Amino acid sequence: CSAAAVATALGEEEPTGGWPASLDFLATCSEAEFHTFLAPAALMTKLTYTATWGSYYDKEAFNHTALPPGWELGLLEANPKTGGMRALTFLQRNTQRGVVAFRGTDLDSSGVSGQADLCADDVLGSGGGRPAELPAFCGRFSNWTLDYLSRALEFVEAAEQQYPGVDWLFTGHSLGALLAELVGAIRGKRALGFASPGGAGVLRNRTKVDPGAVPAWSSLILYNEWDPIRFKARGQRLGAECVWLVDAAPPGCAS
């Protein structure tokens, strides 16, 4: 694609009234153009970690993070101190574009943030029901709290009500990418995520949406070549994937 196409998708030219209907233009972009489009979503995804409660919270880093030109942090956020699904909103008002960025798993199980995330991971992996065997600390959280998919869908509905007319793109990393592609598939919107474990099984078990009917380029997930989650996602992906190659394989991966 041309630089003009990327600029239009980012809202740097005349407003188009929303995101492109498909992300397939990214398949033919130059590397520079691809990174230009990708950078805002990557930065917003990073902020879901540093700007929400949990072991990665870093107020100083958040305060010194500049959003791309024309973008602003929305007033609506999901950031419960007692643990639960976390998400931020971002707006580019001149184009009526918005981004909902979902946070991934907090891996520090010593705190309430990580405990809730790890329990919610198991709940999603089980197809939505509460597994019989969960870590003991999961008992402190209600089924409602651990149902991150339902909370993510409610959050998006709230964003649509608070910002009528905005066209939403969903993004996130790991658990956040999974929520992004699931919400995108359910609501018929685009998702651009990083290292999702794949949502076909969850979509099949939790909704009436046929994973095979999800348009190929409505969702694009990016993976490091050697990311274990990439291999876990085989047979579970929704939409397209992009894999970036790593010059030197990590120890143990090349054998």
Protein backbone atom coordinates (compact mmCIF):
# COMPACT_ATOMS: atom_id res chain seq x y z
CA CYS A 1 0.00 0.00 0.00
CA SER A 2 1.04 3.59 -0.39
CA ALA A 3 2.08 6.01 2.32
CA ALA A 4 -1.12 7.91 1.54
CA ALA A 5 -3.19 4.82 2.34
CA VAL A 6 -1.46 4.42 5.70
CA ALA A 7 -1.85 8.12 6.48
CA THR A 8 -5.55 7.92 5.68
CA ALA A 9 -5.94 4.88 7.95
CA LEU A 10 -4.19 6.74 10.77
CA GLY A 11 -6.33 9.83 10.28
CA GLU A 12 -3.47 12.07 9.16
CA GLU A 13 -5.35 13.13 6.03
CA GLU A 14 -8.98 14.03 5.42
CA PRO A 15 -11.33 12.37 7.93
CA THR A 16 -12.92 9.19 6.59
CA GLY A 17 -15.45 8.66 9.37
CA GLY A 18 -13.97 5.51 10.85
CA TRP A 19 -11.43 2.74 10.43
CA PRO A 20 -10.90 0.84 7.18
CA ALA A 21 -13.45 -1.95 6.80
CA SER A 22 -10.60 -4.47 6.50
CA LEU A 23 -6.98 -4.61 7.62
CA ASP A 24 -5.91 -6.38 4.43
CA PHE A 25 -4.02 -3.29 3.20
CA LEU A 26 -1.35 -4.15 5.78
CA ALA A 27 -0.42 -7.24 3.76
CA THR A 28 1.15 -5.15 0.97
CA CYS A 29 2.55 -2.19 2.88
CA SER A 30 6.26 -1.50 3.08
CA GLU A 31 7.90 -2.24 6.40
CA ALA A 32 8.08 1.46 7.23
CA GLU A 33 4.41 2.00 6.42
CA PHE A 34 3.43 -1.06 8.43
CA HIS A 35 5.26 0.21 11.50
CA THR A 36 3.71 3.66 11.08
CA PHE A 37 0.25 2.15 11.31
CA LEU A 38 1.16 -0.28 14.07
CA ALA A 39 2.96 2.11 16.43
CA PRO A 40 -0.12 3.81 17.97
CA ALA A 41 -1.74 0.47 18.88
CA ALA A 42 1.53 -0.78 20.35
CA LEU A 43 1.90 2.33 22.49
CA MET A 44 -1.70 2.15 23.67
CA THR A 45 -1.20 -1.49 24.56
CA LYS A 46 1.89 -0.61 26.58
CA LEU A 47 -0.11 2.00 28.49
CA THR A 48 -2.62 -0.63 29.60
CA TYR A 49 0.19 -2.05 31.73
CA THR A 50 1.84 1.14 33.01
CA ALA A 51 -1.36 3.17 33.55
CA THR A 52 -3.49 0.59 35.39
CA TRP A 53 -3.20 -0.90 38.88
CA GLY A 54 -0.92 -3.90 39.11
CA SER A 55 2.72 -4.90 39.29
CA TYR A 56 3.55 -3.00 36.06
CA TYR A 57 1.96 0.28 37.12
CA ASP A 58 4.42 3.13 36.57
CA LYS A 59 2.92 6.57 37.05
CA GLU A 60 6.14 8.32 36.08
CA ALA A 61 6.42 6.47 32.78
CA PHE A 62 2.74 7.06 32.03
CA ASN A 63 3.04 10.80 32.69
CA HIS A 64 5.96 11.03 30.27
CA THR A 65 4.31 9.06 27.47
CA ALA A 66 3.18 11.19 24.53
CA LEU A 67 0.32 9.84 22.45
CA PRO A 68 0.53 10.04 18.64
CA PRO A 69 -0.64 13.37 17.14
CA GLY A 70 -4.39 13.83 17.30
CA TRP A 71 -4.97 11.07 19.85
CA GLU A 72 -6.14 11.55 23.43
CA LEU A 73 -6.84 9.30 26.37
CA GLY A 74 -10.57 8.79 26.85
CA LEU A 75 -12.29 9.36 30.17
CA LEU A 76 -13.71 5.84 30.26
CA GLU A 77 -11.49 3.15 31.74
CA ALA A 78 -11.78 -0.19 33.54
CA ASN A 79 -9.22 -0.21 36.34
CA PRO A 80 -10.58 -1.90 39.49
CA LYS A 81 -8.19 -1.85 42.43
CA THR A 82 -9.70 -5.08 43.73
CA GLY A 83 -8.77 -7.02 40.57
CA GLY A 84 -10.57 -7.60 37.30
CA MET A 85 -10.63 -6.84 33.59
CA ARG A 86 -8.68 -3.67 32.72
CA ALA A 87 -9.00 -1.51 29.64
CA LEU A 88 -8.39 2.03 28.38
CA THR A 89 -10.02 4.11 25.67
CA PHE A 90 -8.32 6.41 23.17
CA LEU A 91 -9.95 8.89 20.80
CA GLN A 92 -9.03 10.68 17.59
CA ARG A 93 -11.92 13.08 17.36
CA ASN A 94 -11.29 14.53 13.91
CA THR A 95 -11.76 11.10 12.33
CA GLN A 96 -14.33 9.65 14.77
CA ARG A 97 -11.93 6.81 15.45
CA GLY A 98 -11.42 5.17 18.80
CA VAL A 99 -9.32 2.40 20.27
CA VAL A 100 -10.18 0.15 23.20
CA ALA A 101 -6.97 -1.38 24.55
CA PHE A 102 -7.28 -4.38 26.89
CA ARG A 103 -4.52 -5.21 29.35
CA GLY A 104 -2.82 -8.59 29.33
CA THR A 105 -2.06 -10.84 32.27
CA ASP A 106 -0.25 -9.47 35.30
CA LEU A 107 2.13 -12.36 36.01
CA ASP A 108 2.83 -11.37 39.62
CA SER A 109 0.55 -13.68 41.59
CA SER A 110 1.52 -12.10 44.90
CA GLY A 111 -0.90 -9.23 44.33
CA VAL A 112 -4.63 -8.98 43.70
CA SER A 113 -4.13 -7.82 40.10
CA GLY A 114 -2.10 -10.85 39.07
CA GLN A 115 -4.24 -13.26 41.05
CA ALA A 116 -7.45 -12.13 39.33
CA ASP A 117 -5.80 -12.26 35.89
CA LEU A 118 -4.40 -15.75 36.38
CA CYS A 119 -7.78 -17.01 37.59
CA ALA A 120 -9.54 -15.33 34.67
CA ASP A 121 -7.07 -16.96 32.26
CA ASP A 122 -8.14 -20.36 33.57
CA VAL A 123 -11.82 -19.47 33.33
CA LEU A 124 -11.46 -18.39 29.69
CA GLY A 125 -9.39 -21.46 28.90
CA SER A 126 -12.08 -23.72 30.31
CA GLY A 127 -14.66 -22.32 27.89
CA GLY A 128 -16.23 -19.87 30.30
CA GLY A 129 -17.27 -21.96 33.28
CA ARG A 130 -15.41 -21.88 36.58
CA PRO A 131 -13.01 -24.86 36.61
CA ALA A 132 -13.18 -27.21 39.57
CA GLU A 133 -9.46 -26.87 40.19
CA LEU A 134 -8.24 -23.31 40.60
CA PRO A 135 -5.54 -21.81 42.82
CA ALA A 136 -6.82 -21.21 46.34
CA PHE A 137 -6.59 -17.44 45.95
CA CYS A 138 -9.23 -17.56 43.20
CA GLY A 139 -11.83 -18.04 45.93
CA ARG A 140 -11.60 -14.34 46.78
CA PHE A 141 -13.08 -13.39 43.38
CA SER A 142 -16.67 -13.77 42.25
CA ASN A 143 -17.67 -15.47 39.02
CA TRP A 144 -18.73 -12.03 37.78
CA THR A 145 -15.25 -10.60 38.34
CA LEU A 146 -13.49 -13.50 36.62
CA ASP A 147 -15.76 -13.39 33.56
CA TYR A 148 -13.44 -11.04 31.65
CA LEU A 149 -15.17 -11.57 28.31
CA SER A 150 -18.53 -10.38 29.61
CA ARG A 151 -16.88 -7.45 31.37
CA ALA A 152 -15.01 -6.55 28.15
CA LEU A 153 -18.24 -6.60 26.14
CA GLU A 154 -19.97 -4.41 28.74
CA PHE A 155 -17.04 -2.00 28.67
CA VAL A 156 -17.27 -1.65 24.89
CA GLU A 157 -21.01 -1.07 25.11
CA ALA A 158 -20.35 1.68 27.66
CA ALA A 159 -17.75 3.23 25.36
CA GLU A 160 -20.22 3.24 22.47
CA GLN A 161 -22.80 4.97 24.66
CA GLN A 162 -20.37 7.54 26.02
CA TYR A 163 -18.88 8.33 22.61
CA PRO A 164 -21.68 7.91 20.05
CA GLY A 165 -20.57 7.87 16.44
CA VAL A 166 -17.02 6.68 17.21
CA ASP A 167 -15.77 3.68 15.21
CA TRP A 168 -13.77 1.36 17.48
CA LEU A 169 -10.67 -0.74 16.91
CA PHE A 170 -9.69 -3.23 19.62
CA THR A 171 -6.14 -4.01 20.67
CA GLY A 172 -4.15 -5.61 23.46
CA HIS A 173 -1.39 -8.05 24.33
CA SER A 174 -1.70 -11.72 25.34
CA LEU A 175 -4.91 -11.97 27.39
CA GLY A 176 -5.69 -8.46 26.17
CA ALA A 177 -5.22 -9.52 22.55
CA LEU A 178 -7.53 -12.47 23.14
CA LEU A 179 -10.22 -10.16 24.52
CA ALA A 180 -9.67 -7.77 21.61
CA GLU A 181 -10.17 -10.41 18.93
CA LEU A 182 -13.13 -11.99 20.74
CA VAL A 183 -14.91 -8.67 21.18
CA GLY A 184 -14.10 -7.74 17.59
CA ALA A 185 -15.55 -11.00 16.29
CA ILE A 186 -18.69 -10.71 18.41
CA ARG A 187 -19.34 -7.06 17.52
CA GLY A 188 -18.20 -7.20 13.89
CA LYS A 189 -15.29 -4.77 14.38
CA ARG A 190 -11.55 -4.82 13.70
CA ALA A 191 -8.93 -6.13 16.14
CA LEU A 192 -5.17 -5.60 15.98
CA GLY A 193 -3.43 -7.53 18.73
CA PHE A 194 -0.14 -8.85 19.98
CA ALA A 195 0.46 -12.52 20.89
CA SER A 196 -3.08 -13.80 21.39
CA PRO A 197 -3.43 -17.45 22.46
CA GLY A 198 -6.28 -17.74 19.94
CA GLY A 199 -9.98 -17.40 20.53
CA ALA A 200 -11.75 -19.88 18.26
CA GLY A 201 -12.55 -22.29 21.08
CA VAL A 202 -13.79 -19.58 23.42
CA LEU A 203 -15.89 -18.05 20.65
CA ARG A 204 -17.41 -21.44 19.88
CA ASN A 205 -18.12 -22.28 23.53
CA ARG A 206 -19.30 -18.89 24.74
CA THR A 207 -21.16 -17.38 21.78
CA LYS A 208 -23.24 -18.17 18.73
CA VAL A 209 -20.57 -16.73 16.42
CA ASP A 210 -19.01 -19.29 14.08
CA PRO A 211 -15.22 -18.84 14.16
CA GLY A 212 -15.08 -19.87 10.51
CA ALA A 213 -17.36 -16.98 9.57
CA VAL A 214 -15.06 -14.29 11.02
CA PRO A 215 -13.64 -12.32 8.04
CA ALA A 216 -9.94 -13.11 7.58
CA TRP A 217 -8.69 -9.52 7.80
CA SER A 218 -11.09 -8.23 10.43
CA SER A 219 -8.52 -9.41 12.97
CA LEU A 220 -4.73 -9.34 12.75
CA ILE A 221 -2.52 -10.78 15.49
CA LEU A 222 1.26 -10.30 15.55
CA TYR A 223 3.72 -12.82 16.96
CA ASN A 224 7.42 -13.12 17.61
CA GLU A 225 8.66 -16.09 15.56
CA TRP A 226 9.58 -18.06 18.70
CA ASP A 227 6.77 -16.96 21.01
CA PRO A 228 5.31 -20.12 22.64
CA ILE A 229 1.86 -18.52 22.48
CA ARG A 230 2.12 -18.51 18.69
CA PHE A 231 2.33 -22.31 18.69
CA LYS A 232 -0.39 -22.62 21.31
CA ALA A 233 -2.66 -20.59 19.05
CA ARG A 234 -2.46 -23.01 16.13
CA GLY A 235 -5.97 -24.06 15.18
CA GLN A 236 -7.42 -21.39 17.47
CA ARG A 237 -6.69 -18.19 15.54
CA LEU A 238 -9.36 -15.80 14.38
CA GLY A 239 -8.47 -13.82 11.27
CA ALA A 240 -4.94 -13.23 10.00
CA GLU A 241 -1.53 -13.38 11.63
CA CYS A 242 1.80 -11.68 11.09
CA VAL A 243 5.04 -13.23 12.31
CA TRP A 244 8.26 -11.26 12.63
CA LEU A 245 11.48 -13.21 12.29
CA VAL A 246 14.26 -13.19 14.86
CA ASP A 247 17.84 -13.43 13.59
CA ALA A 248 19.15 -15.55 16.47
CA ALA A 249 16.91 -18.26 17.86
CA PRO A 250 16.55 -18.26 21.66
CA PRO A 251 18.42 -21.07 23.45
CA GLY A 252 16.67 -24.39 22.95
CA CYS A 253 14.37 -23.19 20.15
CA ALA A 254 16.48 -24.08 17.11
CA SER A 255 16.97 -27.75 17.98
